[in-house]
Amino acid sequence: MARKLEKMIIRNAEIDYFNFAGEASTFNAAGSRNFCLVLDDIELVKKMEEDHWNMKPYKKSLNEETGEYEKYYTQISVEYGSKFYPDPIIKYVSDGGRKQTVIEEDMLNLDSEVSPDKLYFDRIDLTIRLNRSINKTTGLPQTKGKLLYMYAWLEEDDLKREYDDMMYGDEGIDPADDDIPFDEE
């Protein structure tokens, strides 16, 4: 019987507290690549909590009038070199959708000009692989997310778009379109 990955697709994702380079910090062990997926769909957050995801209040979303959080987050790992699962595929989309660039693992470090830790994005679409296990400390079930695919639309200013349109015409893809066809290379 073929093995099937459990996955979740998040379009137009909001991410924060990212550390694709795996730099050591107060909240991150050296070599641990990750980011936080921020969600404002409270129903989805509740379903994920029921499915044993570790969902935390996103402090930047505290509504001071109601005292409630409007967003929650969970950490997503970016892992390379697993014996059991494929490496994540990260692609930058640019030139109005006409160009996709694969970002290899060695390009994630902070010395690289194309590190996602340094760039700004208009839109990010993700496929997350679900990893279900038993927490060794509590003995309870847990679900964690591992990045499988990331399509990140590079932020491009109006001047760049104007000159790209002069060169390519108006046939680019709108990054706000939810039905974007990605071809896997």
N, C-alpha and C. Protein backbone atom coordinates (compact mmCIF):
# COMPACT_ATOMS: atom_id res chain seq x y z
N MET A 1 0.84 -1.18 0.00
CA MET A 1 0.00 0.00 0.00
C MET A 1 0.88 1.24 0.00
N ALA A 2 0.55 2.19 -0.85
CA ALA A 2 1.33 3.42 -0.95
C ALA A 2 1.13 4.29 0.28
N ARG A 3 2.20 4.96 0.68
CA ARG A 3 2.14 5.87 1.81
C ARG A 3 1.65 7.22 1.31
N LYS A 4 0.76 7.85 2.06
CA LYS A 4 0.21 9.14 1.65
C LYS A 4 0.48 10.18 2.74
N LEU A 5 0.95 11.35 2.32
CA LEU A 5 1.20 12.44 3.26
C LEU A 5 -0.10 13.15 3.59
N GLU A 6 -0.27 13.50 4.87
CA GLU A 6 -1.37 14.38 5.26
C GLU A 6 -0.86 15.80 5.06
N LYS A 7 -1.65 16.62 4.35
CA LYS A 7 -1.19 17.97 4.03
C LYS A 7 -2.30 18.98 4.27
N MET A 8 -1.89 20.21 4.40
CA MET A 8 -2.80 21.33 4.53
C MET A 8 -2.27 22.45 3.62
N ILE A 9 -3.15 23.02 2.81
CA ILE A 9 -2.76 24.12 1.92
C ILE A 9 -3.29 25.43 2.51
N ILE A 10 -2.41 26.40 2.63
CA ILE A 10 -2.78 27.73 3.12
C ILE A 10 -2.43 28.73 2.01
N ARG A 11 -3.45 29.37 1.48
CA ARG A 11 -3.23 30.39 0.44
C ARG A 11 -3.20 31.77 1.09
N ASN A 12 -2.35 32.62 0.55
CA ASN A 12 -2.20 33.99 1.06
C ASN A 12 -1.90 33.97 2.56
N ALA A 13 -0.91 33.15 2.92
CA ALA A 13 -0.55 32.95 4.32
C ALA A 13 0.14 34.17 4.91
N GLU A 14 -0.09 34.35 6.19
CA GLU A 14 0.65 35.37 6.94
C GLU A 14 1.67 34.62 7.78
N ILE A 15 2.94 35.02 7.67
CA ILE A 15 3.98 34.39 8.49
C ILE A 15 4.72 35.48 9.27
N ASP A 16 5.29 35.08 10.39
CA ASP A 16 6.03 36.02 11.23
C ASP A 16 7.05 35.21 12.02
N TYR A 17 7.91 35.89 12.73
CA TYR A 17 8.94 35.25 13.56
C TYR A 17 9.69 34.19 12.76
N PHE A 18 10.04 34.53 11.52
CA PHE A 18 10.68 33.52 10.66
C PHE A 18 12.18 33.49 10.87
N ASN A 19 12.71 32.29 10.74
CA ASN A 19 14.14 32.05 10.87
C ASN A 19 14.50 30.92 9.91
N PHE A 20 14.49 31.24 8.61
CA PHE A 20 14.81 30.24 7.59
C PHE A 20 16.30 29.88 7.63
N ALA A 21 17.12 30.80 8.14
CA ALA A 21 18.56 30.56 8.20
C ALA A 21 18.93 29.61 9.33
N GLY A 22 18.06 29.47 10.34
CA GLY A 22 18.37 28.60 11.47
C GLY A 22 19.36 29.22 12.43
N GLU A 23 19.35 30.53 12.52
CA GLU A 23 20.26 31.24 13.43
C GLU A 23 19.85 31.03 14.88
N ALA A 24 20.82 30.91 15.76
CA ALA A 24 20.55 30.77 17.19
C ALA A 24 20.03 32.10 17.74
N SER A 25 19.03 32.02 18.61
CA SER A 25 18.49 33.22 19.26
C SER A 25 17.86 32.81 20.58
N THR A 26 17.28 33.77 21.27
CA THR A 26 16.62 33.50 22.54
C THR A 26 15.55 32.42 22.39
N PHE A 27 14.83 32.45 21.27
CA PHE A 27 13.71 31.53 21.06
C PHE A 27 14.01 30.42 20.06
N ASN A 28 15.27 30.28 19.64
CA ASN A 28 15.57 29.33 18.56
C ASN A 28 16.94 28.69 18.76
N ALA A 29 16.97 27.36 18.71
CA ALA A 29 18.24 26.65 18.77
C ALA A 29 18.97 26.78 17.43
N ALA A 30 20.29 26.81 17.46
CA ALA A 30 21.07 26.92 16.23
C ALA A 30 20.73 25.75 15.30
N GLY A 31 20.49 26.06 14.03
CA GLY A 31 20.19 25.05 13.03
C GLY A 31 18.71 24.73 12.89
N SER A 32 17.88 25.26 13.78
CA SER A 32 16.44 25.00 13.72
C SER A 32 15.77 26.05 12.83
N ARG A 33 15.42 25.63 11.61
CA ARG A 33 14.77 26.54 10.66
C ARG A 33 13.26 26.46 10.86
N ASN A 34 12.62 27.62 10.94
CA ASN A 34 11.18 27.61 11.17
C ASN A 34 10.58 28.99 10.95
N PHE A 35 9.26 29.04 10.99
CA PHE A 35 8.52 30.29 10.96
C PHE A 35 7.20 30.05 11.65
N CYS A 36 6.49 31.11 11.96
CA CYS A 36 5.18 30.98 12.58
C CYS A 36 4.11 31.31 11.56
N LEU A 37 3.14 30.41 11.44
CA LEU A 37 1.98 30.60 10.59
C LEU A 37 0.93 31.30 11.44
N VAL A 38 0.50 32.49 10.99
CA VAL A 38 -0.46 33.31 11.73
C VAL A 38 -1.83 33.15 11.07
N LEU A 39 -2.83 32.83 11.88
CA LEU A 39 -4.18 32.58 11.36
C LEU A 39 -5.20 33.49 12.04
N ASP A 40 -6.10 34.06 11.23
CA ASP A 40 -7.18 34.89 11.78
C ASP A 40 -8.54 34.20 11.68
N ASP A 41 -8.58 33.00 11.13
CA ASP A 41 -9.80 32.21 11.03
C ASP A 41 -9.96 31.43 12.34
N ILE A 42 -10.73 31.99 13.27
CA ILE A 42 -10.84 31.41 14.61
C ILE A 42 -11.45 30.01 14.56
N GLU A 43 -12.37 29.75 13.62
CA GLU A 43 -12.93 28.40 13.49
C GLU A 43 -11.84 27.40 13.11
N LEU A 44 -10.97 27.78 12.18
CA LEU A 44 -9.86 26.92 11.80
C LEU A 44 -8.92 26.71 12.98
N VAL A 45 -8.65 27.77 13.74
CA VAL A 45 -7.79 27.66 14.91
C VAL A 45 -8.38 26.65 15.89
N LYS A 46 -9.69 26.71 16.13
CA LYS A 46 -10.34 25.77 17.06
C LYS A 46 -10.22 24.33 16.55
N LYS A 47 -10.41 24.13 15.24
CA LYS A 47 -10.28 22.79 14.67
C LYS A 47 -8.84 22.28 14.81
N MET A 48 -7.87 23.17 14.61
CA MET A 48 -6.48 22.76 14.74
C MET A 48 -6.15 22.41 16.20
N GLU A 49 -6.69 23.18 17.13
CA GLU A 49 -6.48 22.85 18.54
C GLU A 49 -7.08 21.49 18.88
N GLU A 50 -8.27 21.21 18.34
CA GLU A 50 -8.90 19.90 18.56
C GLU A 50 -8.07 18.78 17.95
N ASP A 51 -7.31 19.11 16.89
CA ASP A 51 -6.45 18.14 16.22
C ASP A 51 -5.04 18.13 16.83
N HIS A 52 -4.90 18.73 18.02
CA HIS A 52 -3.68 18.69 18.83
C HIS A 52 -2.53 19.56 18.30
N TRP A 53 -2.86 20.64 17.58
CA TRP A 53 -1.85 21.62 17.21
C TRP A 53 -1.60 22.51 18.41
N ASN A 54 -0.39 23.01 18.55
CA ASN A 54 -0.05 23.95 19.61
C ASN A 54 -0.30 25.37 19.09
N MET A 55 -1.49 25.90 19.35
CA MET A 55 -1.88 27.23 18.87
C MET A 55 -1.69 28.23 20.01
N LYS A 56 -1.02 29.35 19.69
CA LYS A 56 -0.76 30.37 20.70
C LYS A 56 -1.34 31.70 20.25
N PRO A 57 -1.78 32.53 21.21
CA PRO A 57 -2.29 33.86 20.85
C PRO A 57 -1.17 34.70 20.21
N TYR A 58 -1.51 35.37 19.14
CA TYR A 58 -0.57 36.25 18.43
C TYR A 58 -0.65 37.62 19.11
N LYS A 59 0.35 37.94 19.89
CA LYS A 59 0.29 39.13 20.75
C LYS A 59 0.04 40.43 20.00
N LYS A 60 0.50 40.51 18.77
CA LYS A 60 0.30 41.72 17.98
C LYS A 60 -1.16 41.94 17.60
N SER A 61 -2.02 40.91 17.83
CA SER A 61 -3.41 41.00 17.40
C SER A 61 -4.38 41.25 18.56
N LEU A 62 -3.86 41.60 19.73
CA LEU A 62 -4.73 41.83 20.88
C LEU A 62 -5.63 43.03 20.62
N ASN A 63 -6.92 42.82 20.71
CA ASN A 63 -7.90 43.90 20.59
C ASN A 63 -8.05 44.50 21.98
N GLU A 64 -7.60 45.73 22.16
CA GLU A 64 -7.60 46.34 23.48
C GLU A 64 -9.00 46.63 23.99
N GLU A 65 -9.96 46.82 23.09
CA GLU A 65 -11.34 47.07 23.52
C GLU A 65 -11.99 45.82 24.11
N THR A 66 -11.79 44.68 23.44
CA THR A 66 -12.44 43.45 23.89
C THR A 66 -11.53 42.60 24.78
N GLY A 67 -10.22 42.85 24.72
CA GLY A 67 -9.27 42.05 25.48
C GLY A 67 -9.04 40.67 24.88
N GLU A 68 -9.50 40.47 23.64
CA GLU A 68 -9.35 39.16 22.98
C GLU A 68 -8.36 39.25 21.83
N TYR A 69 -7.75 38.10 21.56
CA TYR A 69 -6.83 38.02 20.43
C TYR A 69 -7.61 37.72 19.17
N GLU A 70 -7.23 38.39 18.08
CA GLU A 70 -7.92 38.20 16.80
C GLU A 70 -7.18 37.22 15.90
N LYS A 71 -5.95 36.87 16.30
CA LYS A 71 -5.15 35.93 15.51
C LYS A 71 -4.39 35.00 16.46
N TYR A 72 -4.07 33.82 15.92
CA TYR A 72 -3.28 32.83 16.65
C TYR A 72 -2.18 32.32 15.72
N TYR A 73 -1.15 31.71 16.32
CA TYR A 73 -0.07 31.20 15.47
C TYR A 73 0.38 29.83 15.95
N THR A 74 1.05 29.13 15.04
CA THR A 74 1.72 27.88 15.35
C THR A 74 3.03 27.84 14.59
N GLN A 75 4.01 27.18 15.16
CA GLN A 75 5.33 27.13 14.52
C GLN A 75 5.36 26.03 13.45
N ILE A 76 5.96 26.36 12.31
CA ILE A 76 6.13 25.42 11.19
C ILE A 76 7.64 25.21 10.99
N SER A 77 8.07 23.97 10.96
CA SER A 77 9.49 23.64 10.76
C SER A 77 9.83 23.61 9.28
N VAL A 78 11.07 23.98 8.98
CA VAL A 78 11.61 23.90 7.62
C VAL A 78 12.81 22.96 7.71
N GLU A 79 12.59 21.68 7.39
CA GLU A 79 13.61 20.66 7.64
C GLU A 79 14.14 20.05 6.35
N TYR A 80 15.46 19.91 6.31
CA TYR A 80 16.15 19.30 5.18
C TYR A 80 16.87 18.04 5.65
N GLY A 81 17.04 17.08 4.74
CA GLY A 81 17.86 15.91 5.01
C GLY A 81 17.16 14.78 5.74
N SER A 82 15.84 14.74 5.76
CA SER A 82 15.12 13.64 6.40
C SER A 82 15.28 12.36 5.59
N LYS A 83 15.39 11.24 6.28
CA LYS A 83 15.45 9.94 5.61
C LYS A 83 14.08 9.51 5.11
N PHE A 84 13.03 10.12 5.69
CA PHE A 84 11.67 9.64 5.44
C PHE A 84 10.81 10.57 4.58
N TYR A 85 11.15 11.84 4.52
CA TYR A 85 10.30 12.81 3.83
C TYR A 85 11.12 13.65 2.87
N PRO A 86 10.48 14.17 1.82
CA PRO A 86 11.22 15.02 0.87
C PRO A 86 11.58 16.36 1.50
N ASP A 87 12.66 16.95 0.99
CA ASP A 87 13.03 18.30 1.42
C ASP A 87 11.96 19.28 0.96
N PRO A 88 11.79 20.38 1.70
CA PRO A 88 10.81 21.38 1.25
C PRO A 88 11.27 22.03 -0.06
N ILE A 89 10.29 22.49 -0.83
CA ILE A 89 10.59 23.22 -2.05
C ILE A 89 10.10 24.65 -1.85
N ILE A 90 11.04 25.59 -1.96
CA ILE A 90 10.73 27.00 -1.80
C ILE A 90 10.98 27.67 -3.14
N LYS A 91 9.95 28.34 -3.65
CA LYS A 91 10.09 29.07 -4.92
C LYS A 91 9.66 30.51 -4.74
N TYR A 92 10.46 31.40 -5.31
CA TYR A 92 10.08 32.81 -5.38
C TYR A 92 9.39 33.04 -6.71
N VAL A 93 8.29 33.75 -6.68
CA VAL A 93 7.55 34.11 -7.89
C VAL A 93 7.77 35.60 -8.10
N SER A 94 8.15 35.97 -9.32
CA SER A 94 8.43 37.38 -9.61
C SER A 94 8.00 37.72 -11.04
N ASP A 95 8.25 38.95 -11.43
CA ASP A 95 7.91 39.43 -12.77
C ASP A 95 6.45 39.18 -13.11
N GLY A 96 5.56 39.52 -12.16
CA GLY A 96 4.13 39.37 -12.40
C GLY A 96 3.69 37.94 -12.58
N GLY A 97 4.46 36.99 -12.04
CA GLY A 97 4.10 35.58 -12.15
C GLY A 97 4.78 34.88 -13.30
N ARG A 98 5.58 35.60 -14.07
CA ARG A 98 6.22 35.01 -15.24
C ARG A 98 7.47 34.20 -14.88
N LYS A 99 8.00 34.40 -13.68
CA LYS A 99 9.26 33.76 -13.34
C LYS A 99 9.16 33.09 -11.97
N GLN A 100 9.66 31.86 -11.87
CA GLN A 100 9.76 31.15 -10.60
C GLN A 100 11.22 30.75 -10.40
N THR A 101 11.74 31.01 -9.19
CA THR A 101 13.12 30.70 -8.87
C THR A 101 13.14 29.76 -7.67
N VAL A 102 13.77 28.60 -7.83
CA VAL A 102 13.89 27.64 -6.72
C VAL A 102 14.98 28.13 -5.78
N ILE A 103 14.67 28.14 -4.49
CA ILE A 103 15.63 28.54 -3.46
C ILE A 103 16.13 27.27 -2.78
N GLU A 104 17.41 26.99 -2.98
CA GLU A 104 18.02 25.78 -2.41
C GLU A 104 18.39 26.02 -0.95
N GLU A 105 18.65 24.94 -0.24
CA GLU A 105 18.95 25.04 1.19
C GLU A 105 20.11 25.98 1.49
N ASP A 106 21.17 25.92 0.68
CA ASP A 106 22.34 26.78 0.95
C ASP A 106 22.06 28.26 0.70
N MET A 107 20.93 28.59 0.09
CA MET A 107 20.56 29.98 -0.16
C MET A 107 19.75 30.57 0.99
N LEU A 108 19.44 29.77 2.01
CA LEU A 108 18.64 30.24 3.13
C LEU A 108 19.45 30.99 4.18
N ASN A 109 20.77 30.87 4.15
CA ASN A 109 21.58 31.51 5.18
C ASN A 109 21.56 33.03 5.03
N LEU A 110 21.88 33.72 6.11
CA LEU A 110 21.79 35.19 6.12
C LEU A 110 22.84 35.87 5.24
N ASP A 111 23.87 35.13 4.81
CA ASP A 111 24.86 35.69 3.89
C ASP A 111 24.32 35.77 2.47
N SER A 112 23.26 35.04 2.19
CA SER A 112 22.68 35.01 0.85
C SER A 112 21.76 36.21 0.64
N GLU A 113 21.88 36.82 -0.53
CA GLU A 113 21.01 37.96 -0.87
C GLU A 113 19.57 37.54 -1.10
N VAL A 114 19.33 36.24 -1.31
CA VAL A 114 17.97 35.77 -1.57
C VAL A 114 17.37 35.05 -0.37
N SER A 115 17.97 35.18 0.79
CA SER A 115 17.41 34.55 2.00
C SER A 115 16.02 35.11 2.28
N PRO A 116 15.03 34.23 2.53
CA PRO A 116 13.69 34.73 2.84
C PRO A 116 13.66 35.58 4.11
N ASP A 117 14.69 35.44 4.96
CA ASP A 117 14.75 36.26 6.17
C ASP A 117 15.00 37.73 5.85
N LYS A 118 15.48 38.03 4.64
CA LYS A 118 15.82 39.41 4.26
C LYS A 118 14.81 40.07 3.35
N LEU A 119 13.93 39.29 2.72
CA LEU A 119 13.08 39.82 1.66
C LEU A 119 11.65 40.09 2.13
N TYR A 120 10.91 40.82 1.31
CA TYR A 120 9.50 41.12 1.57
C TYR A 120 8.66 40.47 0.47
N PHE A 121 7.48 40.02 0.86
CA PHE A 121 6.63 39.29 -0.06
C PHE A 121 5.24 39.90 -0.10
N ASP A 122 4.63 39.90 -1.30
CA ASP A 122 3.25 40.34 -1.47
C ASP A 122 2.27 39.24 -1.09
N ARG A 123 2.68 38.01 -1.29
CA ARG A 123 1.78 36.88 -1.04
C ARG A 123 2.63 35.63 -0.83
N ILE A 124 2.14 34.74 0.04
CA ILE A 124 2.81 33.46 0.28
C ILE A 124 1.75 32.37 0.29
N ASP A 125 1.97 31.32 -0.50
CA ASP A 125 1.11 30.15 -0.51
C ASP A 125 1.94 28.97 0.01
N LEU A 126 1.35 28.18 0.90
CA LEU A 126 2.08 27.11 1.56
C LEU A 126 1.35 25.77 1.44
N THR A 127 2.13 24.71 1.38
CA THR A 127 1.62 23.38 1.64
C THR A 127 2.40 22.87 2.85
N ILE A 128 1.65 22.52 3.89
CA ILE A 128 2.23 22.06 5.14
C ILE A 128 1.98 20.56 5.28
N ARG A 129 3.03 19.83 5.60
CA ARG A 129 2.90 18.40 5.89
C ARG A 129 2.60 18.24 7.37
N LEU A 130 1.58 17.47 7.70
CA LEU A 130 1.22 17.25 9.10
C LEU A 130 2.05 16.10 9.66
N ASN A 131 2.59 16.30 10.83
CA ASN A 131 3.39 15.29 11.51
C ASN A 131 2.72 14.99 12.85
N ARG A 132 2.09 13.84 12.94
CA ARG A 132 1.39 13.45 14.17
C ARG A 132 2.29 12.55 15.00
N SER A 133 2.31 12.81 16.31
CA SER A 133 3.15 12.01 17.19
C SER A 133 2.61 12.10 18.62
N ILE A 134 3.32 11.49 19.54
CA ILE A 134 3.01 11.57 20.96
C ILE A 134 4.09 12.42 21.61
N ASN A 135 3.68 13.43 22.36
CA ASN A 135 4.61 14.30 23.07
C ASN A 135 5.34 13.47 24.14
N LYS A 136 6.66 13.47 24.07
CA LYS A 136 7.46 12.65 25.00
C LYS A 136 7.34 13.12 26.44
N THR A 137 7.09 14.40 26.64
CA THR A 137 6.99 14.95 28.00
C THR A 137 5.62 14.68 28.62
N THR A 138 4.55 14.97 27.85
CA THR A 138 3.19 14.87 28.40
C THR A 138 2.52 13.54 28.11
N GLY A 139 3.00 12.81 27.09
CA GLY A 139 2.36 11.57 26.70
C GLY A 139 1.08 11.77 25.90
N LEU A 140 0.79 13.03 25.53
CA LEU A 140 -0.42 13.36 24.79
C LEU A 140 -0.14 13.46 23.29
N PRO A 141 -1.17 13.26 22.47
CA PRO A 141 -0.97 13.41 21.03
C PRO A 141 -0.66 14.86 20.68
N GLN A 142 0.12 15.04 19.62
CA GLN A 142 0.43 16.38 19.12
C GLN A 142 0.52 16.34 17.60
N THR A 143 0.22 17.48 16.98
CA THR A 143 0.38 17.64 15.54
C THR A 143 1.28 18.83 15.30
N LYS A 144 2.29 18.63 14.50
CA LYS A 144 3.20 19.72 14.14
C LYS A 144 3.22 19.84 12.63
N GLY A 145 3.55 21.05 12.16
CA GLY A 145 3.62 21.30 10.74
C GLY A 145 5.05 21.36 10.24
N LYS A 146 5.27 20.76 9.08
CA LYS A 146 6.57 20.81 8.41
C LYS A 146 6.33 21.37 7.01
N LEU A 147 7.14 22.32 6.59
CA LEU A 147 6.97 22.92 5.27
C LEU A 147 7.22 21.90 4.18
N LEU A 148 6.30 21.83 3.24
CA LEU A 148 6.47 20.97 2.06
C LEU A 148 6.73 21.84 0.83
N TYR A 149 5.84 22.83 0.59
CA TYR A 149 6.02 23.78 -0.53
C TYR A 149 5.75 25.19 -0.05
N MET A 150 6.52 26.13 -0.59
CA MET A 150 6.28 27.55 -0.33
C MET A 150 6.47 28.29 -1.65
N TYR A 151 5.41 28.99 -2.06
CA TYR A 151 5.48 29.88 -3.22
C TYR A 151 5.35 31.30 -2.69
N ALA A 152 6.44 32.05 -2.77
CA ALA A 152 6.49 33.39 -2.20
C ALA A 152 6.60 34.43 -3.32
N TRP A 153 5.56 35.26 -3.45
CA TRP A 153 5.55 36.32 -4.45
C TRP A 153 6.39 37.48 -3.93
N LEU A 154 7.52 37.73 -4.59
CA LEU A 154 8.40 38.82 -4.18
C LEU A 154 7.67 40.16 -4.29
N GLU A 155 7.89 41.00 -3.29
CA GLU A 155 7.33 42.35 -3.35
C GLU A 155 8.06 43.12 -4.45
N GLU A 156 7.28 43.68 -5.35
CA GLU A 156 7.86 44.43 -6.46
C GLU A 156 7.19 45.80 -6.49
N ASP A 157 8.00 46.83 -6.60
CA ASP A 157 7.41 48.17 -6.57
C ASP A 157 6.84 48.57 -7.93
N ASP A 158 6.12 49.67 -7.94
CA ASP A 158 5.43 50.12 -9.15
C ASP A 158 6.39 50.39 -10.31
N LEU A 159 7.56 50.94 -10.01
CA LEU A 159 8.52 51.24 -11.07
C LEU A 159 9.01 49.95 -11.73
N LYS A 160 9.32 48.93 -10.93
CA LYS A 160 9.75 47.66 -11.50
C LYS A 160 8.64 47.05 -12.36
N ARG A 161 7.41 47.10 -11.87
CA ARG A 161 6.28 46.56 -12.64
C ARG A 161 6.10 47.31 -13.96
N GLU A 162 6.25 48.63 -13.90
CA GLU A 162 6.09 49.45 -15.11
C GLU A 162 7.11 49.02 -16.17
N TYR A 163 8.37 48.85 -15.76
CA TYR A 163 9.39 48.47 -16.73
C TYR A 163 9.24 47.02 -17.17
N ASP A 164 8.81 46.12 -16.27
CA ASP A 164 8.55 44.74 -16.66
C ASP A 164 7.42 44.68 -17.68
N ASP A 165 6.36 45.50 -17.48
CA ASP A 165 5.24 45.51 -18.43
C ASP A 165 5.68 46.02 -19.79
N MET A 166 6.62 46.99 -19.80
CA MET A 166 7.13 47.47 -21.08
C MET A 166 7.85 46.34 -21.81
N MET A 167 8.49 45.49 -21.04
CA MET A 167 9.28 44.42 -21.62
C MET A 167 8.42 43.20 -21.98
N TYR A 168 7.46 42.84 -21.11
CA TYR A 168 6.70 41.61 -21.29
C TYR A 168 5.25 41.83 -21.70
N GLY A 169 4.73 43.04 -21.59
CA GLY A 169 3.30 43.27 -21.82
C GLY A 169 2.51 43.03 -20.55
N ASP A 170 1.21 43.08 -20.64
CA ASP A 170 0.35 42.94 -19.47
C ASP A 170 -0.13 41.52 -19.26
N GLU A 171 0.66 40.53 -19.65
CA GLU A 171 0.22 39.15 -19.57
C GLU A 171 0.69 38.44 -18.32
N GLY A 172 1.17 39.16 -17.33
CA GLY A 172 1.60 38.53 -16.08
C GLY A 172 0.42 38.02 -15.30
N ILE A 173 0.72 37.33 -14.23
CA ILE A 173 -0.30 36.75 -13.37
C ILE A 173 -0.51 37.65 -12.16
N ASP A 174 -1.75 37.88 -11.78
CA ASP A 174 -2.08 38.69 -10.63
C ASP A 174 -1.82 37.90 -9.35
N PRO A 175 -0.93 38.37 -8.44
CA PRO A 175 -0.63 37.61 -7.22
C PRO A 175 -1.82 37.51 -6.28
N ALA A 176 -2.87 38.29 -6.49
CA ALA A 176 -4.06 38.20 -5.64
C ALA A 176 -5.03 37.12 -6.13
N ASP A 177 -4.77 36.53 -7.29
CA ASP A 177 -5.65 35.51 -7.86
C ASP A 177 -5.44 34.18 -7.14
N ASP A 178 -6.50 33.61 -6.58
CA ASP A 178 -6.41 32.36 -5.84
C ASP A 178 -6.29 31.14 -6.74
N ASP A 179 -6.53 31.25 -8.02
CA ASP A 179 -6.48 30.11 -8.93
C ASP A 179 -5.22 30.16 -9.80
N ILE A 180 -4.09 30.30 -9.15
CA ILE A 180 -2.84 30.45 -9.88
C ILE A 180 -2.31 29.06 -10.26
N PRO A 181 -2.02 28.82 -11.52
CA PRO A 181 -1.50 27.50 -11.91
C PRO A 181 0.01 27.43 -11.69
N PHE A 182 0.45 26.55 -10.82
CA PHE A 182 1.88 26.35 -10.61
C PHE A 182 2.26 25.04 -11.27
N ASP A 183 3.29 25.07 -12.05
CA ASP A 183 3.75 23.81 -12.61
C ASP A 183 4.99 23.39 -11.85
N GLU A 184 5.03 22.13 -11.48
CA GLU A 184 6.16 21.59 -10.75
C GLU A 184 7.25 21.22 -11.72
N GLU A 185 8.41 21.74 -11.48
CA GLU A 185 9.54 21.43 -12.36
C GLU A 185 10.38 20.34 -11.77
